[in-house]
Amino acid sequence: MATRNRTEVTEFFLLGLSSWAEMQPVIFGIVLAMYLVALMGNVLLVIVALSDPKLQTPMYFLLSQLSFIDMFLTTITVPQMLVHTLSVNRIISFNCCMIQLFCFMAVGSMEGHLLAAMAYDRYVAICDPLRYSAIISRGLCLRITLTSWVVVSLNSLLYSVLVTRLTFCGNQVTHFFCDITPLLKLSCTRPVVNEMLIFTEGVAVVVSPFFILGSYARIAVAIARTHSVAALRKALSTCSSHILVVLLLYGSVIHMYLRPSSSYDLDQDHQVAMFYTVVTPMLNPLIYSLRNQEVKGALRRLFRKRCISRNFQPGSQVNGGWQNIS
């Protein structure tokens, strides 16, 4: 294979999801619909979590941050993919590609940190409820969030810098966005340092479900000691939404990244990446709203308030008399 200097690669060509021209409008319509649903669902969840007085707790602060992350994650990749789906010009500059790689890895890693913090919140709420307010506070959640952003940003910057130092032997990225795996595939030599980083430092920073598993293991032990069916049902009701989101996220992440490079099937990875970047952000607000009575109650109050404010304007009349909102 002829080796070309890295500086010759000034742009990348994204091959996208499918090469079938007749499928492009169908893909465009489906992905656009899911993207809009994901945006609207997460925006609504953020508004409810931040505005409803009954949801001003650390758990719902973390949930609002998770919704922000989901909106950011899907916006990093989907709008560009939609444009490229209906265009023959699927070129992205080298610098824009590296920026997209950095943002995608930072936001994806941040989602894992938030889920870990939410698991710890559930552990304290179930196993030490009397000291919950003393242990978990909004200030603590804010510090965790800011610290996590610093950690994932430095980690993603390290990955991105290492990728920029690779020597590429081509510029056709077999993906619909700049992800680390297809970029490593373009390297003229095996990127040993990058692969080692993924399996060592990456496990510690990106794959934070070990902390989540630890939290739920302690919850399981605490529930088992009570021998109470009611306690088990309450724990499942409290944690089921979070567990489902964790399974959706890390099932796709493990499949995409924590495998030897020789076992990659890029066509299959396209489907998993689509699930991770579009389907999961769309499902998360549905899971947390449909399976959470507090969120459903807050949504009803929000819609009721909006209906009242729209139908009962100051100075409006009913049957010749002034409306009495109270």
C-alpha atoms as a PDB file:
ATOM      1  CA  MET A   1       0.000   0.000   0.000  1.00  0.00           C
ATOM      2  CA  ALA A   2       1.414   3.345  -0.950  1.00  0.00           C
ATOM      3  CA  THR A   3       1.859   5.663   1.982  1.00  0.00           C
ATOM      4  CA  ARG A   4       0.731   9.233   1.590  1.00  0.00           C
ATOM      5  CA  ASN A   5       1.665  12.025   3.914  1.00  0.00           C
ATOM      6  CA  ARG A   6      -1.046  13.014   6.366  1.00  0.00           C
ATOM      7  CA  THR A   7      -0.903  16.661   5.297  1.00  0.00           C
ATOM      8  CA  GLU A   8      -2.226  15.627   1.865  1.00  0.00           C
ATOM      9  CA  VAL A   9      -5.569  14.713   3.420  1.00  0.00           C
ATOM     10  CA  THR A  10      -7.346  18.035   3.756  1.00  0.00           C
ATOM     11  CA  GLU A  11     -10.877  16.659   3.606  1.00  0.00           C
ATOM     12  CA  PHE A  12     -12.801  13.431   4.038  1.00  0.00           C
ATOM     13  CA  PHE A  13     -15.585  11.917   1.972  1.00  0.00           C
ATOM     14  CA  LEU A  14     -18.384  10.410   4.092  1.00  0.00           C
ATOM     15  CA  LEU A  15     -19.958   7.414   2.367  1.00  0.00           C
ATOM     16  CA  GLY A  16     -23.136   7.672   4.446  1.00  0.00           C
ATOM     17  CA  LEU A  17     -25.624   4.998   5.437  1.00  0.00           C
ATOM     18  CA  SER A  18     -26.465   3.589   2.015  1.00  0.00           C
ATOM     19  CA  SER A  19     -25.191   3.821  -1.551  1.00  0.00           C
ATOM     20  CA  TRP A  20     -28.628   3.087  -3.038  1.00  0.00           C
ATOM     21  CA  ALA A  21     -29.853   6.334  -4.594  1.00  0.00           C
ATOM     22  CA  GLU A  22     -33.514   5.272  -4.474  1.00  0.00           C
ATOM     23  CA  MET A  23     -33.253   4.727  -0.699  1.00  0.00           C
ATOM     24  CA  GLN A  24     -31.961   8.210   0.098  1.00  0.00           C
ATOM     25  CA  PRO A  25     -35.391   9.970   0.282  1.00  0.00           C
ATOM     26  CA  VAL A  26     -36.738   7.169   2.494  1.00  0.00           C
ATOM     27  CA  ILE A  27     -33.731   7.378   4.818  1.00  0.00           C
ATOM     28  CA  PHE A  28     -34.033  11.164   4.881  1.00  0.00           C
ATOM     29  CA  GLY A  29     -37.706  11.077   5.875  1.00  0.00           C
ATOM     30  CA  ILE A  30     -37.293   8.439   8.594  1.00  0.00           C
ATOM     31  CA  VAL A  31     -34.206  10.010  10.160  1.00  0.00           C
ATOM     32  CA  LEU A  32     -35.680  13.535  10.023  1.00  0.00           C
ATOM     33  CA  ALA A  33     -38.846  12.348  11.780  1.00  0.00           C
ATOM     34  CA  MET A  34     -36.860  10.599  14.526  1.00  0.00           C
ATOM     35  CA  TYR A  35     -34.575  13.633  14.919  1.00  0.00           C
ATOM     36  CA  LEU A  36     -37.512  16.008  15.374  1.00  0.00           C
ATOM     37  CA  VAL A  37     -39.187  13.654  17.866  1.00  0.00           C
ATOM     38  CA  ALA A  38     -35.914  13.393  19.809  1.00  0.00           C
ATOM     39  CA  LEU A  39     -35.500  17.171  19.911  1.00  0.00           C
ATOM     40  CA  MET A  40     -39.089  17.889  20.932  1.00  0.00           C
ATOM     41  CA  GLY A  41     -39.143  15.152  23.558  1.00  0.00           C
ATOM     42  CA  ASN A  42     -35.908  16.227  25.200  1.00  0.00           C
ATOM     43  CA  VAL A  43     -36.768  19.935  25.066  1.00  0.00           C
ATOM     44  CA  LEU A  44     -40.086  19.189  26.741  1.00  0.00           C
ATOM     45  CA  LEU A  45     -38.390  17.090  29.417  1.00  0.00           C
ATOM     46  CA  VAL A  46     -35.882  19.875  30.122  1.00  0.00           C
ATOM     47  CA  ILE A  47     -38.656  22.465  30.440  1.00  0.00           C
ATOM     48  CA  VAL A  48     -40.627  20.266  32.807  1.00  0.00           C
ATOM     49  CA  ALA A  49     -37.617  19.325  34.949  1.00  0.00           C
ATOM     50  CA  LEU A  50     -36.458  22.926  35.334  1.00  0.00           C
ATOM     51  CA  SER A  51     -39.828  24.658  35.725  1.00  0.00           C
ATOM     52  CA  ASP A  52     -42.024  22.351  37.792  1.00  0.00           C
ATOM     53  CA  PRO A  53     -41.662  23.080  41.536  1.00  0.00           C
ATOM     54  CA  LYS A  54     -42.174  19.417  42.462  1.00  0.00           C
ATOM     55  CA  LEU A  55     -39.234  18.323  40.289  1.00  0.00           C
ATOM     56  CA  GLN A  56     -36.620  20.607  41.828  1.00  0.00           C
ATOM     57  CA  THR A  57     -34.572  17.695  43.142  1.00  0.00           C
ATOM     58  CA  PRO A  58     -31.039  16.479  42.350  1.00  0.00           C
ATOM     59  CA  MET A  59     -32.384  13.504  40.375  1.00  0.00           C
ATOM     60  CA  TYR A  60     -34.360  15.673  37.985  1.00  0.00           C
ATOM     61  CA  PHE A  61     -31.490  18.129  37.668  1.00  0.00           C
ATOM     62  CA  LEU A  62     -29.390  15.219  36.404  1.00  0.00           C
ATOM     63  CA  LEU A  63     -32.254  14.129  34.155  1.00  0.00           C
ATOM     64  CA  SER A  64     -32.411  17.596  32.590  1.00  0.00           C
ATOM     65  CA  GLN A  65     -28.665  17.430  31.941  1.00  0.00           C
ATOM     66  CA  LEU A  66     -29.129  14.022  30.302  1.00  0.00           C
ATOM     67  CA  SER A  67     -31.732  15.517  27.991  1.00  0.00           C
ATOM     68  CA  PHE A  68     -29.330  18.338  27.085  1.00  0.00           C
ATOM     69  CA  ILE A  69     -26.722  15.711  26.259  1.00  0.00           C
ATOM     70  CA  ASP A  70     -29.141  13.733  24.101  1.00  0.00           C
ATOM     71  CA  MET A  71     -30.053  16.864  22.133  1.00  0.00           C
ATOM     72  CA  PHE A  72     -26.389  17.725  21.662  1.00  0.00           C
ATOM     73  CA  LEU A  73     -25.425  14.172  20.721  1.00  0.00           C
ATOM     74  CA  THR A  74     -27.998  13.799  17.971  1.00  0.00           C
ATOM     75  CA  THR A  75     -27.390  17.338  16.658  1.00  0.00           C
ATOM     76  CA  ILE A  76     -23.666  16.669  16.232  1.00  0.00           C
ATOM     77  CA  THR A  77     -24.303  14.004  13.600  1.00  0.00           C
ATOM     78  CA  VAL A  78     -27.865  14.015  12.240  1.00  0.00           C
ATOM     79  CA  PRO A  79     -28.197  17.433  10.495  1.00  0.00           C
ATOM     80  CA  GLN A  80     -25.007  16.821   8.533  1.00  0.00           C
ATOM     81  CA  MET A  81     -26.164  13.316   7.631  1.00  0.00           C
ATOM     82  CA  LEU A  82     -29.517  14.648   6.417  1.00  0.00           C
ATOM     83  CA  VAL A  83     -27.776  17.155   4.131  1.00  0.00           C
ATOM     84  CA  HIS A  84     -25.431  14.486   2.776  1.00  0.00           C
ATOM     85  CA  THR A  85     -28.304  12.050   2.206  1.00  0.00           C
ATOM     86  CA  LEU A  86     -29.772  14.263  -0.518  1.00  0.00           C
ATOM     87  CA  SER A  87     -26.448  15.495  -1.871  1.00  0.00           C
ATOM     88  CA  VAL A  88     -23.653  14.007  -3.938  1.00  0.00           C
ATOM     89  CA  ASN A  89     -21.174  16.293  -2.175  1.00  0.00           C
ATOM     90  CA  ARG A  90     -20.517  14.449   1.086  1.00  0.00           C
ATOM     91  CA  ILE A  91     -17.234  16.143   1.840  1.00  0.00           C
ATOM     92  CA  ILE A  92     -16.183  17.366   5.285  1.00  0.00           C
ATOM     93  CA  SER A  93     -12.966  19.263   5.874  1.00  0.00           C
ATOM     94  CA  PHE A  94     -10.200  17.729   7.971  1.00  0.00           C
ATOM     95  CA  ASN A  95     -10.607  20.332  10.738  1.00  0.00           C
ATOM     96  CA  CYS A  96     -14.398  19.992  10.840  1.00  0.00           C
ATOM     97  CA  CYS A  97     -14.011  16.235  10.995  1.00  0.00           C
ATOM     98  CA  MET A  98     -11.696  16.494  13.998  1.00  0.00           C
ATOM     99  CA  ILE A  99     -14.079  18.925  15.719  1.00  0.00           C
ATOM    100  CA  GLN A 100     -16.978  16.536  15.141  1.00  0.00           C
ATOM    101  CA  LEU A 101     -14.894  13.651  16.504  1.00  0.00           C
ATOM    102  CA  PHE A 102     -14.016  15.650  19.619  1.00  0.00           C
ATOM    103  CA  CYS A 103     -17.601  16.757  20.281  1.00  0.00           C
ATOM    104  CA  PHE A 104     -19.052  13.308  19.665  1.00  0.00           C
ATOM    105  CA  MET A 105     -16.617  11.562  21.997  1.00  0.00           C
ATOM    106  CA  ALA A 106     -16.961  14.217  24.719  1.00  0.00           C
ATOM    107  CA  VAL A 107     -20.755  14.210  24.677  1.00  0.00           C
ATOM    108  CA  GLY A 108     -20.971  10.424  24.436  1.00  0.00           C
ATOM    109  CA  SER A 109     -18.636  10.014  27.400  1.00  0.00           C
ATOM    110  CA  MET A 110     -20.533  12.661  29.357  1.00  0.00           C
ATOM    111  CA  GLU A 111     -23.737  10.673  28.994  1.00  0.00           C
ATOM    112  CA  GLY A 112     -22.065   7.743  30.739  1.00  0.00           C
ATOM    113  CA  HIS A 113     -20.918   9.969  33.598  1.00  0.00           C
ATOM    114  CA  LEU A 114     -24.418  11.347  34.075  1.00  0.00           C
ATOM    115  CA  LEU A 115     -25.932   7.864  34.145  1.00  0.00           C
ATOM    116  CA  ALA A 116     -23.361   6.867  36.764  1.00  0.00           C
ATOM    117  CA  ALA A 117     -24.288   9.897  38.895  1.00  0.00           C
ATOM    118  CA  MET A 118     -27.973   9.028  38.541  1.00  0.00           C
ATOM    119  CA  ALA A 119     -27.249   5.453  39.644  1.00  0.00           C
ATOM    120  CA  TYR A 120     -25.507   6.747  42.779  1.00  0.00           C
ATOM    121  CA  ASP A 121     -28.475   9.036  43.430  1.00  0.00           C
ATOM    122  CA  ARG A 122     -30.833   6.041  43.262  1.00  0.00           C
ATOM    123  CA  TYR A 123     -28.541   4.026  45.551  1.00  0.00           C
ATOM    124  CA  VAL A 124     -28.601   6.692  48.255  1.00  0.00           C
ATOM    125  CA  ALA A 125     -32.359   7.231  47.871  1.00  0.00           C
ATOM    126  CA  ILE A 126     -33.086   3.526  48.365  1.00  0.00           C
ATOM    127  CA  CYS A 127     -30.355   2.409  50.769  1.00  0.00           C
ATOM    128  CA  ASP A 128     -29.947   5.515  52.927  1.00  0.00           C
ATOM    129  CA  PRO A 129     -33.144   7.566  52.538  1.00  0.00           C
ATOM    130  CA  LEU A 130     -32.875   9.347  55.890  1.00  0.00           C
ATOM    131  CA  ARG A 131     -29.531  10.891  54.929  1.00  0.00           C
ATOM    132  CA  TYR A 132     -30.413  11.504  51.285  1.00  0.00           C
ATOM    133  CA  SER A 133     -30.788  15.268  51.648  1.00  0.00           C
ATOM    134  CA  ALA A 134     -27.512  15.498  53.548  1.00  0.00           C
ATOM    135  CA  ILE A 135     -25.576  13.437  50.982  1.00  0.00           C
ATOM    136  CA  ILE A 136     -27.155  14.408  47.653  1.00  0.00           C
ATOM    137  CA  SER A 137     -27.701  18.067  46.885  1.00  0.00           C
ATOM    138  CA  ARG A 138     -28.125  20.197  43.804  1.00  0.00           C
ATOM    139  CA  GLY A 139     -24.707  21.706  44.474  1.00  0.00           C
ATOM    140  CA  LEU A 140     -23.101  18.257  44.546  1.00  0.00           C
ATOM    141  CA  CYS A 141     -24.770  17.347  41.253  1.00  0.00           C
ATOM    142  CA  LEU A 142     -23.545  20.596  39.716  1.00  0.00           C
ATOM    143  CA  ARG A 143     -19.977  19.900  40.846  1.00  0.00           C
ATOM    144  CA  ILE A 144     -20.178  16.349  39.486  1.00  0.00           C
ATOM    145  CA  THR A 145     -21.459  17.672  36.162  1.00  0.00           C
ATOM    146  CA  LEU A 146     -18.739  20.322  35.820  1.00  0.00           C
ATOM    147  CA  THR A 147     -15.976  17.914  36.853  1.00  0.00           C
ATOM    148  CA  SER A 148     -17.230  15.312  34.404  1.00  0.00           C
ATOM    149  CA  TRP A 149     -17.205  17.857  31.583  1.00  0.00           C
ATOM    150  CA  VAL A 150     -13.575  18.670  32.313  1.00  0.00           C
ATOM    151  CA  VAL A 151     -12.584  14.984  32.391  1.00  0.00           C
ATOM    152  CA  VAL A 152     -14.393  13.979  29.198  1.00  0.00           C
ATOM    153  CA  SER A 153     -13.175  17.080  27.357  1.00  0.00           C
ATOM    154  CA  LEU A 154      -9.529  16.343  28.178  1.00  0.00           C
ATOM    155  CA  ASN A 155     -10.032  12.693  27.265  1.00  0.00           C
ATOM    156  CA  SER A 156     -11.646  13.537  23.925  1.00  0.00           C
ATOM    157  CA  LEU A 157      -8.964  16.116  23.185  1.00  0.00           C
ATOM    158  CA  LEU A 158      -6.319  13.431  23.700  1.00  0.00           C
ATOM    159  CA  TYR A 159      -8.089  11.078  21.277  1.00  0.00           C
ATOM    160  CA  SER A 160      -8.517  13.824  18.686  1.00  0.00           C
ATOM    161  CA  VAL A 161      -4.887  14.929  18.855  1.00  0.00           C
ATOM    162  CA  LEU A 162      -3.686  11.341  18.402  1.00  0.00           C
ATOM    163  CA  VAL A 163      -5.933  10.943  15.351  1.00  0.00           C
ATOM    164  CA  THR A 164      -4.545  14.116  13.776  1.00  0.00           C
ATOM    165  CA  ARG A 165      -1.045  12.628  14.047  1.00  0.00           C
ATOM    166  CA  LEU A 166      -1.957   9.545  12.002  1.00  0.00           C
ATOM    167  CA  THR A 167      -0.797   9.068   8.420  1.00  0.00           C
ATOM    168  CA  PHE A 168      -3.852   8.415   6.247  1.00  0.00           C
ATOM    169  CA  CYS A 169      -3.809   6.362   3.055  1.00  0.00           C
ATOM    170  CA  GLY A 170      -7.238   7.476   1.902  1.00  0.00           C
ATOM    171  CA  ASN A 171     -10.031   9.914   2.653  1.00  0.00           C
ATOM    172  CA  GLN A 172     -13.201   7.821   2.205  1.00  0.00           C
ATOM    173  CA  VAL A 173     -14.787   7.404   5.647  1.00  0.00           C
ATOM    174  CA  THR A 174     -17.115   4.398   5.617  1.00  0.00           C
ATOM    175  CA  HIS A 175     -19.546   6.068   8.001  1.00  0.00           C
ATOM    176  CA  PHE A 176     -22.079   8.883   8.092  1.00  0.00           C
ATOM    177  CA  PHE A 177     -19.985  10.975  10.517  1.00  0.00           C
ATOM    178  CA  CYS A 178     -16.393  11.209  11.733  1.00  0.00           C
ATOM    179  CA  ASP A 179     -16.092   8.471  14.332  1.00  0.00           C
ATOM    180  CA  ILE A 180     -12.838   7.126  15.657  1.00  0.00           C
ATOM    181  CA  THR A 181     -13.151   3.548  14.361  1.00  0.00           C
ATOM    182  CA  PRO A 182     -13.520   4.320  10.612  1.00  0.00           C
ATOM    183  CA  LEU A 183     -10.807   6.985  10.902  1.00  0.00           C
ATOM    184  CA  LEU A 184      -8.399   4.460  12.399  1.00  0.00           C
ATOM    185  CA  LYS A 185      -9.227   2.175   9.481  1.00  0.00           C
ATOM    186  CA  LEU A 186      -7.760   4.805   7.131  1.00  0.00           C
ATOM    187  CA  SER A 187      -4.398   4.803   8.881  1.00  0.00           C
ATOM    188  CA  CYS A 188      -1.504   3.541   6.734  1.00  0.00           C
ATOM    189  CA  THR A 189      -0.061   1.697   9.728  1.00  0.00           C
ATOM    190  CA  ARG A 190      -1.822   0.010  12.575  1.00  0.00           C
ATOM    191  CA  PRO A 191      -2.623   2.728  15.159  1.00  0.00           C
ATOM    192  CA  VAL A 192      -1.352   0.713  18.121  1.00  0.00           C
ATOM    193  CA  VAL A 193      -1.256   3.689  20.510  1.00  0.00           C
ATOM    194  CA  ASN A 194      -4.845   4.661  19.714  1.00  0.00           C
ATOM    195  CA  GLU A 195      -6.114   1.100  20.114  1.00  0.00           C
ATOM    196  CA  MET A 196      -4.287   0.671  23.403  1.00  0.00           C
ATOM    197  CA  LEU A 197      -5.798   3.946  24.587  1.00  0.00           C
ATOM    198  CA  ILE A 198      -9.295   2.703  23.781  1.00  0.00           C
ATOM    199  CA  PHE A 199      -8.828  -0.534  25.730  1.00  0.00           C
ATOM    200  CA  THR A 200      -7.048   1.010  28.732  1.00  0.00           C
ATOM    201  CA  GLU A 201      -7.679   4.667  29.446  1.00  0.00           C
ATOM    202  CA  GLY A 202     -10.890   4.525  27.434  1.00  0.00           C
ATOM    203  CA  VAL A 203     -12.328   1.824  29.668  1.00  0.00           C
ATOM    204  CA  ALA A 204     -11.690   3.966  32.738  1.00  0.00           C
ATOM    205  CA  VAL A 205     -13.149   7.170  31.284  1.00  0.00           C
ATOM    206  CA  VAL A 206     -15.755   6.151  28.731  1.00  0.00           C
ATOM    207  CA  VAL A 207     -17.096   2.890  30.120  1.00  0.00           C
ATOM    208  CA  SER A 208     -18.353   4.044  33.493  1.00  0.00           C
ATOM    209  CA  PRO A 209     -21.056   1.376  33.891  1.00  0.00           C
ATOM    210  CA  PHE A 210     -18.831  -0.426  36.386  1.00  0.00           C
ATOM    211  CA  PHE A 211     -19.821   2.302  38.828  1.00  0.00           C
ATOM    212  CA  ILE A 212     -23.450   1.830  37.793  1.00  0.00           C
ATOM    213  CA  LEU A 213     -23.201  -1.931  38.314  1.00  0.00           C
ATOM    214  CA  GLY A 214     -21.674  -1.340  41.736  1.00  0.00           C
ATOM    215  CA  SER A 215     -24.525   0.962  42.758  1.00  0.00           C
ATOM    216  CA  TYR A 216     -27.181  -1.498  41.641  1.00  0.00           C
ATOM    217  CA  ALA A 217     -25.364  -4.421  43.240  1.00  0.00           C
ATOM    218  CA  ARG A 218     -25.500  -2.637  46.596  1.00  0.00           C
ATOM    219  CA  ILE A 219     -29.172  -1.827  46.006  1.00  0.00           C
ATOM    220  CA  ALA A 220     -29.848  -5.511  45.288  1.00  0.00           C
ATOM    221  CA  VAL A 221     -28.029  -6.580  48.464  1.00  0.00           C
ATOM    222  CA  ALA A 222     -29.971  -4.048  50.543  1.00  0.00           C
ATOM    223  CA  ILE A 223     -33.310  -5.212  49.095  1.00  0.00           C
ATOM    224  CA  ALA A 224     -32.417  -8.878  49.595  1.00  0.00           C
ATOM    225  CA  ARG A 225     -31.719  -8.262  53.282  1.00  0.00           C
ATOM    226  CA  THR A 226     -35.189  -6.803  53.847  1.00  0.00           C
ATOM    227  CA  HIS A 227     -36.999  -9.883  52.424  1.00  0.00           C
ATOM    228  CA  SER A 228     -39.757  -7.469  51.444  1.00  0.00           C
ATOM    229  CA  VAL A 229     -41.735  -7.753  48.226  1.00  0.00           C
ATOM    230  CA  ALA A 230     -42.994  -4.191  48.697  1.00  0.00           C
ATOM    231  CA  ALA A 231     -39.415  -2.899  48.918  1.00  0.00           C
ATOM    232  CA  LEU A 232     -38.511  -4.792  45.757  1.00  0.00           C
ATOM    233  CA  ARG A 233     -41.459  -3.327  43.878  1.00  0.00           C
ATOM    234  CA  LYS A 234     -40.601   0.177  45.053  1.00  0.00           C
ATOM    235  CA  ALA A 235     -36.969  -0.251  43.987  1.00  0.00           C
ATOM    236  CA  LEU A 236     -37.994  -1.527  40.557  1.00  0.00           C
ATOM    237  CA  SER A 237     -40.416   1.353  40.161  1.00  0.00           C
ATOM    238  CA  THR A 238     -37.678   3.812  41.106  1.00  0.00           C
ATOM    239  CA  CYS A 239     -34.879   2.333  38.992  1.00  0.00           C
ATOM    240  CA  SER A 240     -36.537   0.662  36.005  1.00  0.00           C
ATOM    241  CA  SER A 241     -36.375   3.709  33.711  1.00  0.00           C
ATOM    242  CA  HIS A 242     -32.725   4.316  34.493  1.00  0.00           C
ATOM    243  CA  ILE A 243     -31.801   0.645  34.028  1.00  0.00           C
ATOM    244  CA  LEU A 244     -33.512   0.548  30.636  1.00  0.00           C
ATOM    245  CA  VAL A 245     -31.664   3.677  29.455  1.00  0.00           C
ATOM    246  CA  VAL A 246     -28.348   2.217  30.658  1.00  0.00           C
ATOM    247  CA  LEU A 247     -28.958  -1.014  28.752  1.00  0.00           C
ATOM    248  CA  LEU A 248     -29.846   0.870  25.565  1.00  0.00           C
ATOM    249  CA  LEU A 249     -26.758   3.065  25.769  1.00  0.00           C
ATOM    250  CA  TYR A 250     -24.068   0.608  26.782  1.00  0.00           C
ATOM    251  CA  GLY A 251     -25.350  -2.245  24.683  1.00  0.00           C
ATOM    252  CA  SER A 252     -24.607  -0.194  21.571  1.00  0.00           C
ATOM    253  CA  VAL A 253     -21.388   1.372  22.942  1.00  0.00           C
ATOM    254  CA  ILE A 254     -19.831  -1.989  23.815  1.00  0.00           C
ATOM    255  CA  HIS A 255     -20.744  -3.352  20.412  1.00  0.00           C
ATOM    256  CA  MET A 256     -19.221  -0.354  18.617  1.00  0.00           C
ATOM    257  CA  TYR A 257     -15.976   0.244  20.489  1.00  0.00           C
ATOM    258  CA  LEU A 258     -14.893  -2.482  22.872  1.00  0.00           C
ATOM    259  CA  ARG A 259     -14.000  -5.097  20.268  1.00  0.00           C
ATOM    260  CA  PRO A 260     -10.759  -5.935  18.435  1.00  0.00           C
ATOM    261  CA  SER A 261     -10.434  -4.005  15.181  1.00  0.00           C
ATOM    262  CA  SER A 262     -10.305  -7.266  13.192  1.00  0.00           C
ATOM    263  CA  SER A 263     -13.882  -8.114  14.214  1.00  0.00           C
ATOM    264  CA  TYR A 264     -15.502  -4.916  12.974  1.00  0.00           C
ATOM    265  CA  ASP A 265     -18.353  -5.124  10.493  1.00  0.00           C
ATOM    266  CA  LEU A 266     -18.797  -1.513   9.377  1.00  0.00           C
ATOM    267  CA  ASP A 267     -22.199  -2.127   7.783  1.00  0.00           C
ATOM    268  CA  GLN A 268     -23.485  -3.494  11.061  1.00  0.00           C
ATOM    269  CA  ASP A 269     -21.790  -0.677  12.963  1.00  0.00           C
ATOM    270  CA  HIS A 270     -23.733   1.847  10.849  1.00  0.00           C
ATOM    271  CA  GLN A 271     -26.963   0.408  12.203  1.00  0.00           C
ATOM    272  CA  VAL A 272     -25.696   0.422  15.780  1.00  0.00           C
ATOM    273  CA  ALA A 273     -24.401   3.987  15.415  1.00  0.00           C
ATOM    274  CA  MET A 274     -27.795   5.075  14.078  1.00  0.00           C
ATOM    275  CA  PHE A 275     -29.461   3.453  17.078  1.00  0.00           C
ATOM    276  CA  TYR A 276     -27.015   5.160  19.450  1.00  0.00           C
ATOM    277  CA  THR A 277     -27.162   8.641  17.896  1.00  0.00           C
ATOM    278  CA  VAL A 278     -30.833   8.864  16.897  1.00  0.00           C
ATOM    279  CA  VAL A 279     -33.033   6.123  18.359  1.00  0.00           C
ATOM    280  CA  THR A 280     -31.704   6.221  21.929  1.00  0.00           C
ATOM    281  CA  PRO A 281     -32.036  10.045  22.294  1.00  0.00           C
ATOM    282  CA  MET A 282     -35.569   9.687  20.933  1.00  0.00           C
ATOM    283  CA  LEU A 283     -36.503   6.895  23.356  1.00  0.00           C
ATOM    284  CA  ASN A 284     -34.974   8.353  26.532  1.00  0.00           C
ATOM    285  CA  PRO A 285     -37.585  11.088  27.148  1.00  0.00           C
ATOM    286  CA  LEU A 286     -40.363   8.604  26.331  1.00  0.00           C
ATOM    287  CA  ILE A 287     -38.976   6.118  28.841  1.00  0.00           C
ATOM    288  CA  TYR A 288     -38.629   8.704  31.600  1.00  0.00           C
ATOM    289  CA  SER A 289     -42.052  10.233  30.955  1.00  0.00           C
ATOM    290  CA  LEU A 290     -44.151   7.116  30.383  1.00  0.00           C
ATOM    291  CA  ARG A 291     -42.644   5.131  33.273  1.00  0.00           C
ATOM    292  CA  ASN A 292     -42.407   7.973  35.803  1.00  0.00           C
ATOM    293  CA  GLN A 293     -45.538   9.153  37.600  1.00  0.00           C
ATOM    294  CA  GLU A 294     -43.904  12.383  38.781  1.00  0.00           C
ATOM    295  CA  VAL A 295     -42.891  13.358  35.255  1.00  0.00           C
ATOM    296  CA  LYS A 296     -46.331  12.471  33.890  1.00  0.00           C
ATOM    297  CA  GLY A 297     -47.920  14.587  36.615  1.00  0.00           C
ATOM    298  CA  ALA A 298     -45.595  17.489  35.806  1.00  0.00           C
ATOM    299  CA  LEU A 299     -46.448  17.195  32.103  1.00  0.00           C
ATOM    300  CA  ARG A 300     -50.172  17.316  32.905  1.00  0.00           C
ATOM    301  CA  ARG A 301     -49.657  20.387  35.080  1.00  0.00           C
ATOM    302  CA  LEU A 302     -47.601  22.049  32.343  1.00  0.00           C
ATOM    303  CA  PHE A 303     -50.197  21.403  29.642  1.00  0.00           C
ATOM    304  CA  ARG A 304     -53.036  22.445  31.966  1.00  0.00           C
ATOM    305  CA  LYS A 305     -51.217  25.666  32.764  1.00  0.00           C
ATOM    306  CA  ARG A 306     -50.612  26.361  29.089  1.00  0.00           C
ATOM    307  CA  CYS A 307     -54.262  25.726  28.253  1.00  0.00           C
ATOM    308  CA  ILE A 308     -55.440  28.004  31.036  1.00  0.00           C
ATOM    309  CA  SER A 309     -53.059  30.803  30.057  1.00  0.00           C
ATOM    310  CA  ARG A 310     -54.165  30.519  26.425  1.00  0.00           C
ATOM    311  CA  ASN A 311     -57.910  30.267  27.009  1.00  0.00           C
ATOM    312  CA  PHE A 312     -58.222  32.689  29.927  1.00  0.00           C
ATOM    313  CA  GLN A 313     -56.484  35.889  28.931  1.00  0.00           C
ATOM    314  CA  PRO A 314     -56.778  38.999  31.171  1.00  0.00           C
ATOM    315  CA  GLY A 315     -59.804  40.989  30.183  1.00  0.00           C
ATOM    316  CA  SER A 316     -61.559  38.126  28.369  1.00  0.00           C
ATOM    317  CA  GLN A 317     -65.242  37.562  29.083  1.00  0.00           C
ATOM    318  CA  VAL A 318     -67.522  34.572  29.425  1.00  0.00           C
ATOM    319  CA  ASN A 319     -71.304  35.105  29.229  1.00  0.00           C
ATOM    320  CA  GLY A 320     -70.853  38.830  29.664  1.00  0.00           C
ATOM    321  CA  GLY A 321     -68.861  38.499  32.893  1.00  0.00           C
ATOM    322  CA  TRP A 322     -65.158  38.527  33.729  1.00  0.00           C
ATOM    323  CA  GLN A 323     -63.523  35.102  33.981  1.00  0.00           C
ATOM    324  CA  ASN A 324     -62.495  33.951  37.420  1.00  0.00           C
ATOM    325  CA  ILE A 325     -59.275  31.949  36.982  1.00  0.00           C
ATOM    326  CA  SER A 326     -59.173  30.963  40.616  1.00  0.00           C
END
